[in-house]
Amino acid sequence: MNFLFGKKEEIQAMAEVLEDGRAVADAEMKKAKYNDYRGAEPMMEVKVRVQPKDDAPFESMMKFGLTKSFLLMQGVVVQVKYPKGKTQKVELDDEQQAILERNASILKKQ
């Protein structure tokens, strides 16, 4: 029975963001249901190109929370995770500081 309830094997990989996450978040937050919203963090999706270490690259939609949307500009590289064999269930698996360090170009120059 362990195979039914055991932890699923997840794969971590790097992915390039293909859409502007800020624009996606902005469009989503303009919806009427968010006028007086007090629920869980809204989750959104943005298109990415995933580059697994041992497999061919593929494109998928990546789920991410509103608080990380301002870092997800087109061309930014992030770490993602997905269940083995399920390339359509990609999730952001990166901390904000790591995203900034990996993508110095998103910091404003003074």
PDB file of N, CA and C in Angstrom:
ATOM      1  N   MET A   1       0.805  -1.211   0.000  1.00  0.00           N
ATOM      2  CA  MET A   1       0.000   0.000   0.000  1.00  0.00           C
ATOM      3  C   MET A   1       0.845   1.272   0.000  1.00  0.00           C
ATOM      4  N   ASN A   2       2.113   1.128   0.283  1.00  0.00           N
ATOM      5  CA  ASN A   2       2.984   2.289   0.334  1.00  0.00           C
ATOM      6  C   ASN A   2       3.040   3.025  -0.996  1.00  0.00           C
ATOM      7  N   PHE A   3       2.898   2.307  -2.097  1.00  0.00           N
ATOM      8  CA  PHE A   3       2.955   2.950  -3.409  1.00  0.00           C
ATOM      9  C   PHE A   3       1.789   3.897  -3.646  1.00  0.00           C
ATOM     10  N   LEU A   4       0.682   3.702  -2.936  1.00  0.00           N
ATOM     11  CA  LEU A   4      -0.472   4.591  -3.098  1.00  0.00           C
ATOM     12  C   LEU A   4      -0.283   5.918  -2.380  1.00  0.00           C
ATOM     13  N   PHE A   5       0.363   5.866  -1.224  1.00  0.00           N
ATOM     14  CA  PHE A   5       0.437   7.055  -0.390  1.00  0.00           C
ATOM     15  C   PHE A   5       1.851   7.590  -0.219  1.00  0.00           C
ATOM     16  N   GLY A   6       2.817   6.979  -0.864  1.00  0.00           N
ATOM     17  CA  GLY A   6       4.207   7.420  -0.748  1.00  0.00           C
ATOM     18  C   GLY A   6       4.439   8.744  -1.451  1.00  0.00           C
ATOM     19  N   LYS A   7       5.543   9.373  -1.096  1.00  0.00           N
ATOM     20  CA  LYS A   7       5.902  10.646  -1.721  1.00  0.00           C
ATOM     21  C   LYS A   7       6.263  10.419  -3.184  1.00  0.00           C
ATOM     22  N   LYS A   8       5.692  11.209  -4.037  1.00  0.00           N
ATOM     23  CA  LYS A   8       5.952  11.112  -5.474  1.00  0.00           C
ATOM     24  C   LYS A   8       7.333  11.693  -5.784  1.00  0.00           C
ATOM     25  N   GLU A   9       8.017  11.087  -6.728  1.00  0.00           N
ATOM     26  CA  GLU A   9       9.336  11.575  -7.115  1.00  0.00           C
ATOM     27  C   GLU A   9       9.179  12.856  -7.924  1.00  0.00           C
ATOM     28  N   GLU A  10       9.861  13.903  -7.461  1.00  0.00           N
ATOM     29  CA  GLU A  10       9.811  15.185  -8.156  1.00  0.00           C
ATOM     30  C   GLU A  10      11.163  15.480  -8.786  1.00  0.00           C
ATOM     31  N   ILE A  11      11.119  16.126  -9.916  1.00  0.00           N
ATOM     32  CA  ILE A  11      12.324  16.506 -10.643  1.00  0.00           C
ATOM     33  C   ILE A  11      12.485  18.017 -10.541  1.00  0.00           C
ATOM     34  N   GLN A  12      13.706  18.454 -10.241  1.00  0.00           N
ATOM     35  CA  GLN A  12      14.014  19.878 -10.241  1.00  0.00           C
ATOM     36  C   GLN A  12      14.789  20.198 -11.512  1.00  0.00           C
ATOM     37  N   ALA A  13      14.504  21.351 -12.076  1.00  0.00           N
ATOM     38  CA  ALA A  13      15.178  21.771 -13.306  1.00  0.00           C
ATOM     39  C   ALA A  13      15.157  23.293 -13.375  1.00  0.00           C
ATOM     40  N   MET A  14      15.939  23.828 -14.280  1.00  0.00           N
ATOM     41  CA  MET A  14      15.931  25.262 -14.526  1.00  0.00           C
ATOM     42  C   MET A  14      14.966  25.536 -15.677  1.00  0.00           C
ATOM     43  N   ALA A  15      14.329  26.705 -15.630  1.00  0.00           N
ATOM     44  CA  ALA A  15      13.365  27.061 -16.669  1.00  0.00           C
ATOM     45  C   ALA A  15      13.491  28.541 -17.003  1.00  0.00           C
ATOM     46  N   GLU A  16      13.278  28.851 -18.263  1.00  0.00           N
ATOM     47  CA  GLU A  16      13.280  30.237 -18.726  1.00  0.00           C
ATOM     48  C   GLU A  16      11.839  30.704 -18.854  1.00  0.00           C
ATOM     49  N   VAL A  17      11.537  31.860 -18.264  1.00  0.00           N
ATOM     50  CA  VAL A  17      10.192  32.427 -18.325  1.00  0.00           C
ATOM     51  C   VAL A  17       9.968  32.991 -19.724  1.00  0.00           C
ATOM     52  N   LEU A  18       8.851  32.611 -20.358  1.00  0.00           N
ATOM     53  CA  LEU A  18       8.560  33.040 -21.730  1.00  0.00           C
ATOM     54  C   LEU A  18       7.505  34.138 -21.805  1.00  0.00           C
ATOM     55  N   GLU A  19       6.803  34.397 -20.698  1.00  0.00           N
ATOM     56  CA  GLU A  19       5.782  35.447 -20.644  1.00  0.00           C
ATOM     57  C   GLU A  19       6.109  36.378 -19.482  1.00  0.00           C
ATOM     58  N   ASP A  20       5.529  37.548 -19.482  1.00  0.00           N
ATOM     59  CA  ASP A  20       5.736  38.503 -18.400  1.00  0.00           C
ATOM     60  C   ASP A  20       4.800  38.171 -17.242  1.00  0.00           C
ATOM     61  N   GLY A  21       5.357  37.659 -16.151  1.00  0.00           N
ATOM     62  CA  GLY A  21       4.564  37.297 -14.977  1.00  0.00           C
ATOM     63  C   GLY A  21       3.884  38.491 -14.334  1.00  0.00           C
ATOM     64  N   ARG A  22       4.515  39.658 -14.450  1.00  0.00           N
ATOM     65  CA  ARG A  22       3.906  40.862 -13.874  1.00  0.00           C
ATOM     66  C   ARG A  22       2.626  41.229 -14.614  1.00  0.00           C
ATOM     67  N   ALA A  23       2.629  41.093 -15.930  1.00  0.00           N
ATOM     68  CA  ALA A  23       1.431  41.396 -16.719  1.00  0.00           C
ATOM     69  C   ALA A  23       0.320  40.397 -16.407  1.00  0.00           C
ATOM     70  N   VAL A  24       0.689  39.126 -16.239  1.00  0.00           N
ATOM     71  CA  VAL A  24      -0.297  38.095 -15.892  1.00  0.00           C
ATOM     72  C   VAL A  24      -0.925  38.417 -14.539  1.00  0.00           C
ATOM     73  N   ALA A  25      -0.089  38.758 -13.548  1.00  0.00           N
ATOM     74  CA  ALA A  25      -0.590  39.083 -12.212  1.00  0.00           C
ATOM     75  C   ALA A  25      -1.453  40.339 -12.239  1.00  0.00           C
ATOM     76  N   ASP A  26      -1.029  41.345 -12.993  1.00  0.00           N
ATOM     77  CA  ASP A  26      -1.788  42.590 -13.086  1.00  0.00           C
ATOM     78  C   ASP A  26      -3.177  42.337 -13.667  1.00  0.00           C
ATOM     79  N   ALA A  27      -3.247  41.548 -14.725  1.00  0.00           N
ATOM     80  CA  ALA A  27      -4.541  41.234 -15.347  1.00  0.00           C
ATOM     81  C   ALA A  27      -5.427  40.438 -14.391  1.00  0.00           C
ATOM     82  N   GLU A  28      -4.828  39.491 -13.673  1.00  0.00           N
ATOM     83  CA  GLU A  28      -5.598  38.661 -12.738  1.00  0.00           C
ATOM     84  C   GLU A  28      -6.144  39.496 -11.578  1.00  0.00           C
ATOM     85  N   MET A  29      -5.331  40.394 -11.040  1.00  0.00           N
ATOM     86  CA  MET A  29      -5.740  41.175  -9.873  1.00  0.00           C
ATOM     87  C   MET A  29      -6.767  42.250 -10.209  1.00  0.00           C
ATOM     88  N   LYS A  30      -6.985  42.530 -11.480  1.00  0.00           N
ATOM     89  CA  LYS A  30      -8.015  43.490 -11.878  1.00  0.00           C
ATOM     90  C   LYS A  30      -9.412  42.879 -11.852  1.00  0.00           C
ATOM     91  N   LYS A  31      -9.499  41.575 -11.675  1.00  0.00           N
ATOM     92  CA  LYS A  31     -10.799  40.906 -11.638  1.00  0.00           C
ATOM     93  C   LYS A  31     -11.561  41.318 -10.383  1.00  0.00           C
ATOM     94  N   ALA A  32     -12.868  41.391 -10.498  1.00  0.00           N
ATOM     95  CA  ALA A  32     -13.727  41.858  -9.411  1.00  0.00           C
ATOM     96  C   ALA A  32     -13.588  41.029  -8.137  1.00  0.00           C
ATOM     97  N   LYS A  33     -13.300  39.756  -8.262  1.00  0.00           N
ATOM     98  CA  LYS A  33     -13.236  38.911  -7.063  1.00  0.00           C
ATOM     99  C   LYS A  33     -12.085  39.305  -6.137  1.00  0.00           C
ATOM    100  N   TYR A  34     -11.125  40.090  -6.618  1.00  0.00           N
ATOM    101  CA  TYR A  34      -9.998  40.508  -5.788  1.00  0.00           C
ATOM    102  C   TYR A  34     -10.168  41.911  -5.206  1.00  0.00           C
ATOM    103  N   ASN A  35     -11.334  42.544  -5.389  1.00  0.00           N
ATOM    104  CA  ASN A  35     -11.548  43.889  -4.864  1.00  0.00           C
ATOM    105  C   ASN A  35     -11.391  43.946  -3.348  1.00  0.00           C
ATOM    106  N   ASP A  36     -11.911  42.960  -2.631  1.00  0.00           N
ATOM    107  CA  ASP A  36     -11.819  42.912  -1.172  1.00  0.00           C
ATOM    108  C   ASP A  36     -11.390  41.509  -0.756  1.00  0.00           C
ATOM    109  N   TYR A  37     -10.334  41.015  -1.353  1.00  0.00           N
ATOM    110  CA  TYR A  37      -9.900  39.624  -1.187  1.00  0.00           C
ATOM    111  C   TYR A  37      -9.115  39.439   0.103  1.00  0.00           C
ATOM    112  N   ARG A  38      -9.461  38.382   0.858  1.00  0.00           N
ATOM    113  CA  ARG A  38      -8.759  38.080   2.103  1.00  0.00           C
ATOM    114  C   ARG A  38      -8.414  36.605   2.210  1.00  0.00           C
ATOM    115  N   GLY A  39      -8.347  35.916   1.104  1.00  0.00           N
ATOM    116  CA  GLY A  39      -8.086  34.477   1.104  1.00  0.00           C
ATOM    117  C   GLY A  39      -6.608  34.151   0.983  1.00  0.00           C
ATOM    118  N   ALA A  40      -6.354  32.928   0.580  1.00  0.00           N
ATOM    119  CA  ALA A  40      -4.980  32.460   0.373  1.00  0.00           C
ATOM    120  C   ALA A  40      -4.332  33.227  -0.780  1.00  0.00           C
ATOM    121  N   GLU A  41      -3.019  33.152  -0.834  1.00  0.00           N
ATOM    122  CA  GLU A  41      -2.287  33.842  -1.897  1.00  0.00           C
ATOM    123  C   GLU A  41      -2.774  33.365  -3.265  1.00  0.00           C
ATOM    124  N   PRO A  42      -3.171  34.284  -4.133  1.00  0.00           N
ATOM    125  CA  PRO A  42      -3.616  33.886  -5.476  1.00  0.00           C
ATOM    126  C   PRO A  42      -2.492  33.204  -6.251  1.00  0.00           C
ATOM    127  N   MET A  43      -2.838  32.124  -6.934  1.00  0.00           N
ATOM    128  CA  MET A  43      -1.880  31.385  -7.760  1.00  0.00           C
ATOM    129  C   MET A  43      -2.185  31.673  -9.223  1.00  0.00           C
ATOM    130  N   MET A  44      -1.145  31.850 -10.010  1.00  0.00           N
ATOM    131  CA  MET A  44      -1.276  32.153 -11.428  1.00  0.00           C
ATOM    132  C   MET A  44      -0.379  31.230 -12.234  1.00  0.00           C
ATOM    133  N   GLU A  45      -0.455  31.332 -13.549  1.00  0.00           N
ATOM    134  CA  GLU A  45       0.370  30.507 -14.426  1.00  0.00           C
ATOM    135  C   GLU A  45       1.024  31.371 -15.496  1.00  0.00           C
ATOM    136  N   VAL A  46       2.254  31.013 -15.823  1.00  0.00           N
ATOM    137  CA  VAL A  46       2.998  31.690 -16.874  1.00  0.00           C
ATOM    138  C   VAL A  46       3.728  30.617 -17.689  1.00  0.00           C
ATOM    139  N   LYS A  47       3.905  30.877 -18.968  1.00  0.00           N
ATOM    140  CA  LYS A  47       4.553  29.903 -19.852  1.00  0.00           C
ATOM    141  C   LYS A  47       6.067  29.919 -19.631  1.00  0.00           C
ATOM    142  N   VAL A  48       6.659  28.707 -19.529  1.00  0.00           N
ATOM    143  CA  VAL A  48       8.102  28.562 -19.343  1.00  0.00           C
ATOM    144  C   VAL A  48       8.665  27.487 -20.265  1.00  0.00           C
ATOM    145  N   ARG A  49       9.973  27.559 -20.503  1.00  0.00           N
ATOM    146  CA  ARG A  49      10.695  26.505 -21.220  1.00  0.00           C
ATOM    147  C   ARG A  49      11.594  25.820 -20.197  1.00  0.00           C
ATOM    148  N   VAL A  50      11.254  24.583 -19.861  1.00  0.00           N
ATOM    149  CA  VAL A  50      11.984  23.818 -18.850  1.00  0.00           C
ATOM    150  C   VAL A  50      13.143  23.084 -19.513  1.00  0.00           C
ATOM    151  N   GLN A  51      14.302  23.101 -18.856  1.00  0.00           N
ATOM    152  CA  GLN A  51      15.500  22.455 -19.387  1.00  0.00           C
ATOM    153  C   GLN A  51      16.016  21.425 -18.382  1.00  0.00           C
ATOM    154  N   PRO A  52      15.424  20.216 -18.381  1.00  0.00           N
ATOM    155  CA  PRO A  52      15.881  19.169 -17.458  1.00  0.00           C
ATOM    156  C   PRO A  52      17.317  18.753 -17.770  1.00  0.00           C
ATOM    157  N   LYS A  53      18.023  18.275 -16.747  1.00  0.00           N
ATOM    158  CA  LYS A  53      19.421  17.857 -16.933  1.00  0.00           C
ATOM    159  C   LYS A  53      19.530  16.645 -17.846  1.00  0.00           C
ATOM    160  N   ASP A  54      18.648  15.670 -17.669  1.00  0.00           N
ATOM    161  CA  ASP A  54      18.771  14.393 -18.382  1.00  0.00           C
ATOM    162  C   ASP A  54      17.684  14.154 -19.417  1.00  0.00           C
ATOM    163  N   ASP A  55      17.052  15.204 -19.900  1.00  0.00           N
ATOM    164  CA  ASP A  55      15.951  15.030 -20.844  1.00  0.00           C
ATOM    165  C   ASP A  55      15.908  16.222 -21.798  1.00  0.00           C
ATOM    166  N   ALA A  56      15.056  16.117 -22.800  1.00  0.00           N
ATOM    167  CA  ALA A  56      14.910  17.198 -23.778  1.00  0.00           C
ATOM    168  C   ALA A  56      14.112  18.358 -23.176  1.00  0.00           C
ATOM    169  N   PRO A  57      14.422  19.597 -23.563  1.00  0.00           N
ATOM    170  CA  PRO A  57      13.649  20.746 -23.089  1.00  0.00           C
ATOM    171  C   PRO A  57      12.195  20.656 -23.547  1.00  0.00           C
ATOM    172  N   PHE A  58      11.298  21.243 -22.759  1.00  0.00           N
ATOM    173  CA  PHE A  58       9.883  21.270 -23.110  1.00  0.00           C
ATOM    174  C   PHE A  58       9.262  22.556 -22.593  1.00  0.00           C
ATOM    175  N   GLU A  59       8.130  22.939 -23.185  1.00  0.00           N
ATOM    176  CA  GLU A  59       7.399  24.126 -22.740  1.00  0.00           C
ATOM    177  C   GLU A  59       6.186  23.691 -21.946  1.00  0.00           C
ATOM    178  N   SER A  60       5.877  24.471 -20.913  1.00  0.00           N
ATOM    179  CA  SER A  60       4.756  24.150 -20.045  1.00  0.00           C
ATOM    180  C   SER A  60       4.286  25.431 -19.362  1.00  0.00           C
ATOM    181  N   MET A  61       3.185  25.339 -18.633  1.00  0.00           N
ATOM    182  CA  MET A  61       2.711  26.447 -17.815  1.00  0.00           C
ATOM    183  C   MET A  61       3.191  26.215 -16.387  1.00  0.00           C
ATOM    184  N   MET A  62       3.781  27.248 -15.769  1.00  0.00           N
ATOM    185  CA  MET A  62       4.315  27.149 -14.416  1.00  0.00           C
ATOM    186  C   MET A  62       3.407  27.887 -13.447  1.00  0.00           C
ATOM    187  N   LYS A  63       3.041  27.238 -12.349  1.00  0.00           N
ATOM    188  CA  LYS A  63       2.247  27.884 -11.305  1.00  0.00           C
ATOM    189  C   LYS A  63       3.169  28.678 -10.392  1.00  0.00           C
ATOM    190  N   PHE A  64       2.689  29.858  -9.984  1.00  0.00           N
ATOM    191  CA  PHE A  64       3.454  30.696  -9.061  1.00  0.00           C
ATOM    192  C   PHE A  64       2.493  31.551  -8.255  1.00  0.00           C
ATOM    193  N   GLY A  65       2.950  31.996  -7.097  1.00  0.00           N
ATOM    194  CA  GLY A  65       2.149  32.853  -6.233  1.00  0.00           C
ATOM    195  C   GLY A  65       2.331  34.319  -6.570  1.00  0.00           C
ATOM    196  N   LEU A  66       1.356  35.115  -6.209  1.00  0.00           N
ATOM    197  CA  LEU A  66       1.349  36.549  -6.501  1.00  0.00           C
ATOM    198  C   LEU A  66       2.611  37.254  -6.004  1.00  0.00           C
ATOM    199  N   THR A  67       3.115  36.874  -4.840  1.00  0.00           N
ATOM    200  CA  THR A  67       4.250  37.588  -4.253  1.00  0.00           C
ATOM    201  C   THR A  67       5.543  37.439  -5.049  1.00  0.00           C
ATOM    202  N   LYS A  68       5.625  36.474  -5.934  1.00  0.00           N
ATOM    203  CA  LYS A  68       6.836  36.301  -6.746  1.00  0.00           C
ATOM    204  C   LYS A  68       6.652  36.799  -8.180  1.00  0.00           C
ATOM    205  N   SER A  69       5.478  37.313  -8.491  1.00  0.00           N
ATOM    206  CA  SER A  69       5.185  37.712  -9.870  1.00  0.00           C
ATOM    207  C   SER A  69       6.065  38.857 -10.357  1.00  0.00           C
ATOM    208  N   PHE A  70       6.488  39.748  -9.461  1.00  0.00           N
ATOM    209  CA  PHE A  70       7.270  40.905  -9.904  1.00  0.00           C
ATOM    210  C   PHE A  70       8.663  40.520 -10.397  1.00  0.00           C
ATOM    211  N   LEU A  71       9.129  39.306 -10.087  1.00  0.00           N
ATOM    212  CA  LEU A  71      10.444  38.845 -10.549  1.00  0.00           C
ATOM    213  C   LEU A  71      10.377  38.070 -11.857  1.00  0.00           C
ATOM    214  N   LEU A  72       9.188  37.695 -12.278  1.00  0.00           N
ATOM    215  CA  LEU A  72       9.040  36.785 -13.415  1.00  0.00           C
ATOM    216  C   LEU A  72       8.864  37.533 -14.734  1.00  0.00           C
ATOM    217  N   MET A  73       9.938  38.161 -15.167  1.00  0.00           N
ATOM    218  CA  MET A  73       9.938  38.842 -16.455  1.00  0.00           C
ATOM    219  C   MET A  73      10.399  37.876 -17.536  1.00  0.00           C
ATOM    220  N   GLN A  74      10.063  38.173 -18.759  1.00  0.00           N
ATOM    221  CA  GLN A  74      10.472  37.331 -19.880  1.00  0.00           C
ATOM    222  C   GLN A  74      11.998  37.221 -19.918  1.00  0.00           C
ATOM    223  N   GLY A  75      12.505  35.989 -20.037  1.00  0.00           N
ATOM    224  CA  GLY A  75      13.940  35.748 -20.104  1.00  0.00           C
ATOM    225  C   GLY A  75      14.593  35.398 -18.778  1.00  0.00           C
ATOM    226  N   VAL A  76      13.894  35.598 -17.668  1.00  0.00           N
ATOM    227  CA  VAL A  76      14.438  35.269 -16.352  1.00  0.00           C
ATOM    228  C   VAL A  76      14.513  33.751 -16.197  1.00  0.00           C
ATOM    229  N   VAL A  77      15.582  33.267 -15.559  1.00  0.00           N
ATOM    230  CA  VAL A  77      15.768  31.831 -15.336  1.00  0.00           C
ATOM    231  C   VAL A  77      15.446  31.517 -13.879  1.00  0.00           C
ATOM    232  N   VAL A  78      14.568  30.533 -13.661  1.00  0.00           N
ATOM    233  CA  VAL A  78      14.141  30.133 -12.320  1.00  0.00           C
ATOM    234  C   VAL A  78      14.255  28.623 -12.159  1.00  0.00           C
ATOM    235  N   GLN A  79      14.249  28.181 -10.905  1.00  0.00           N
ATOM    236  CA  GLN A  79      14.234  26.742 -10.627  1.00  0.00           C
ATOM    237  C   GLN A  79      12.784  26.304 -10.482  1.00  0.00           C
ATOM    238  N   VAL A  80      12.441  25.179 -11.087  1.00  0.00           N
ATOM    239  CA  VAL A  80      11.085  24.642 -11.020  1.00  0.00           C
ATOM    240  C   VAL A  80      11.131  23.185 -10.563  1.00  0.00           C
ATOM    241  N   LYS A  81       9.959  22.672 -10.218  1.00  0.00           N
ATOM    242  CA  LYS A  81       9.839  21.248  -9.902  1.00  0.00           C
ATOM    243  C   LYS A  81       8.570  20.724 -10.554  1.00  0.00           C
ATOM    244  N   TYR A  82       8.587  19.424 -10.849  1.00  0.00           N
ATOM    245  CA  TYR A  82       7.412  18.775 -11.419  1.00  0.00           C
ATOM    246  C   TYR A  82       7.495  17.287 -11.134  1.00  0.00           C
ATOM    247  N   PRO A  83       6.328  16.620 -11.013  1.00  0.00           N
ATOM    248  CA  PRO A  83       6.337  15.172 -10.780  1.00  0.00           C
ATOM    249  C   PRO A  83       6.935  14.448 -11.979  1.00  0.00           C
ATOM    250  N   LYS A  84       7.698  13.412 -11.712  1.00  0.00           N
ATOM    251  CA  LYS A  84       8.336  12.643 -12.783  1.00  0.00           C
ATOM    252  C   LYS A  84       7.285  12.161 -13.772  1.00  0.00           C
ATOM    253  N   GLY A  85       7.493  12.477 -15.057  1.00  0.00           N
ATOM    254  CA  GLY A  85       6.586  12.048 -16.111  1.00  0.00           C
ATOM    255  C   GLY A  85       5.376  12.938 -16.318  1.00  0.00           C
ATOM    256  N   LYS A  86       5.219  13.991 -15.517  1.00  0.00           N
ATOM    257  CA  LYS A  86       4.059  14.887 -15.640  1.00  0.00           C
ATOM    258  C   LYS A  86       4.553  16.306 -15.919  1.00  0.00           C
ATOM    259  N   THR A  87       4.941  16.531 -17.143  1.00  0.00           N
ATOM    260  CA  THR A  87       5.537  17.816 -17.507  1.00  0.00           C
ATOM    261  C   THR A  87       4.528  18.959 -17.567  1.00  0.00           C
ATOM    262  N   GLN A  88       3.247  18.670 -17.437  1.00  0.00           N
ATOM    263  CA  GLN A  88       2.242  19.733 -17.452  1.00  0.00           C
ATOM    264  C   GLN A  88       1.982  20.287 -16.043  1.00  0.00           C
ATOM    265  N   LYS A  89       2.616  19.733 -14.999  1.00  0.00           N
ATOM    266  CA  LYS A  89       2.397  20.180 -13.618  1.00  0.00           C
ATOM    267  C   LYS A  89       3.659  20.837 -13.055  1.00  0.00           C
ATOM    268  N   VAL A  90       4.107  21.884 -13.692  1.00  0.00           N
ATOM    269  CA  VAL A  90       5.337  22.574 -13.291  1.00  0.00           C
ATOM    270  C   VAL A  90       5.003  23.664 -12.272  1.00  0.00           C
ATOM    271  N   GLU A  91       5.811  23.729 -11.188  1.00  0.00           N
ATOM    272  CA  GLU A  91       5.634  24.743 -10.152  1.00  0.00           C
ATOM    273  C   GLU A  91       6.948  25.463  -9.910  1.00  0.00           C
ATOM    274  N   LEU A  92       6.848  26.737  -9.565  1.00  0.00           N
ATOM    275  CA  LEU A  92       8.027  27.510  -9.190  1.00  0.00           C
ATOM    276  C   LEU A  92       8.584  26.931  -7.895  1.00  0.00           C
ATOM    277  N   ASP A  93       9.884  26.688  -7.837  1.00  0.00           N
ATOM    278  CA  ASP A  93      10.536  26.111  -6.658  1.00  0.00           C
ATOM    279  C   ASP A  93      11.816  26.890  -6.387  1.00  0.00           C
ATOM    280  N   ASP A  94      11.679  28.198  -6.232  1.00  0.00           N
ATOM    281  CA  ASP A  94      12.842  29.066  -6.098  1.00  0.00           C
ATOM    282  C   ASP A  94      12.536  30.171  -5.097  1.00  0.00           C
ATOM    283  N   GLU A  95      13.559  30.604  -4.384  1.00  0.00           N
ATOM    284  CA  GLU A  95      13.429  31.721  -3.452  1.00  0.00           C
ATOM    285  C   GLU A  95      13.720  33.029  -4.186  1.00  0.00           C
ATOM    286  N   GLN A  96      13.135  34.110  -3.685  1.00  0.00           N
ATOM    287  CA  GLN A  96      13.295  35.401  -4.347  1.00  0.00           C
ATOM    288  C   GLN A  96      14.758  35.819  -4.446  1.00  0.00           C
ATOM    289  N   GLN A  97      15.531  35.620  -3.373  1.00  0.00           N
ATOM    290  CA  GLN A  97      16.932  36.030  -3.394  1.00  0.00           C
ATOM    291  C   GLN A  97      17.727  35.242  -4.430  1.00  0.00           C
ATOM    292  N   ALA A  98      17.447  33.956  -4.561  1.00  0.00           N
ATOM    293  CA  ALA A  98      18.144  33.127  -5.553  1.00  0.00           C
ATOM    294  C   ALA A  98      17.812  33.581  -6.974  1.00  0.00           C
ATOM    295  N   ILE A  99      16.561  33.972  -7.198  1.00  0.00           N
ATOM    296  CA  ILE A  99      16.165  34.469  -8.522  1.00  0.00           C
ATOM    297  C   ILE A  99      16.932  35.751  -8.841  1.00  0.00           C
ATOM    298  N   LEU A 100      17.020  36.651  -7.861  1.00  0.00           N
ATOM    299  CA  LEU A 100      17.745  37.911  -8.061  1.00  0.00           C
ATOM    300  C   LEU A 100      19.230  37.676  -8.326  1.00  0.00           C
ATOM    301  N   GLU A 101      19.841  36.757  -7.579  1.00  0.00           N
ATOM    302  CA  GLU A 101      21.270  36.481  -7.765  1.00  0.00           C
ATOM    303  C   GLU A 101      21.550  35.862  -9.136  1.00  0.00           C
ATOM    304  N   ARG A 102      20.667  35.001  -9.597  1.00  0.00           N
ATOM    305  CA  ARG A 102      20.851  34.317 -10.879  1.00  0.00           C
ATOM    306  C   ARG A 102      20.569  35.243 -12.056  1.00  0.00           C
ATOM    307  N   ASN A 103      19.746  36.260 -11.841  1.00  0.00           N
ATOM    308  CA  ASN A 103      19.304  37.151 -12.919  1.00  0.00           C
ATOM    309  C   ASN A 103      19.586  38.601 -12.532  1.00  0.00           C
ATOM    310  N   ALA A 104      20.843  38.968 -12.466  1.00  0.00           N
ATOM    311  CA  ALA A 104      21.241  40.307 -12.025  1.00  0.00           C
ATOM    312  C   ALA A 104      20.659  41.408 -12.911  1.00  0.00           C
ATOM    313  N   SER A 105      20.300  41.083 -14.135  1.00  0.00           N
ATOM    314  CA  SER A 105      19.785  42.097 -15.062  1.00  0.00           C
ATOM    315  C   SER A 105      18.430  42.660 -14.641  1.00  0.00           C
ATOM    316  N   ILE A 106      17.721  41.996 -13.721  1.00  0.00           N
ATOM    317  CA  ILE A 106      16.416  42.526 -13.321  1.00  0.00           C
ATOM    318  C   ILE A 106      16.536  43.576 -12.220  1.00  0.00           C
ATOM    319  N   LEU A 107      17.742  43.744 -11.673  1.00  0.00           N
ATOM    320  CA  LEU A 107      17.962  44.796 -10.687  1.00  0.00           C
ATOM    321  C   LEU A 107      18.174  46.115 -11.408  1.00  0.00           C
ATOM    322  N   LYS A 108      17.591  47.193 -10.859  1.00  0.00           N
ATOM    323  CA  LYS A 108      17.756  48.514 -11.468  1.00  0.00           C
ATOM    324  C   LYS A 108      19.163  49.023 -11.214  1.00  0.00           C
ATOM    325  N   LYS A 109      19.769  49.565 -12.230  1.00  0.00           N
ATOM    326  CA  LYS A 109      21.098  50.180 -12.110  1.00  0.00           C
ATOM    327  C   LYS A 109      20.914  51.645 -11.734  1.00  0.00           C
ATOM    328  N   GLN A 110      21.741  52.124 -10.804  1.00  0.00           N
ATOM    329  CA  GLN A 110      21.628  53.524 -10.389  1.00  0.00           C
ATOM    330  C   GLN A 110      22.807  54.332 -10.853  1.00  0.00           C
TER     331      GLN A 110
END
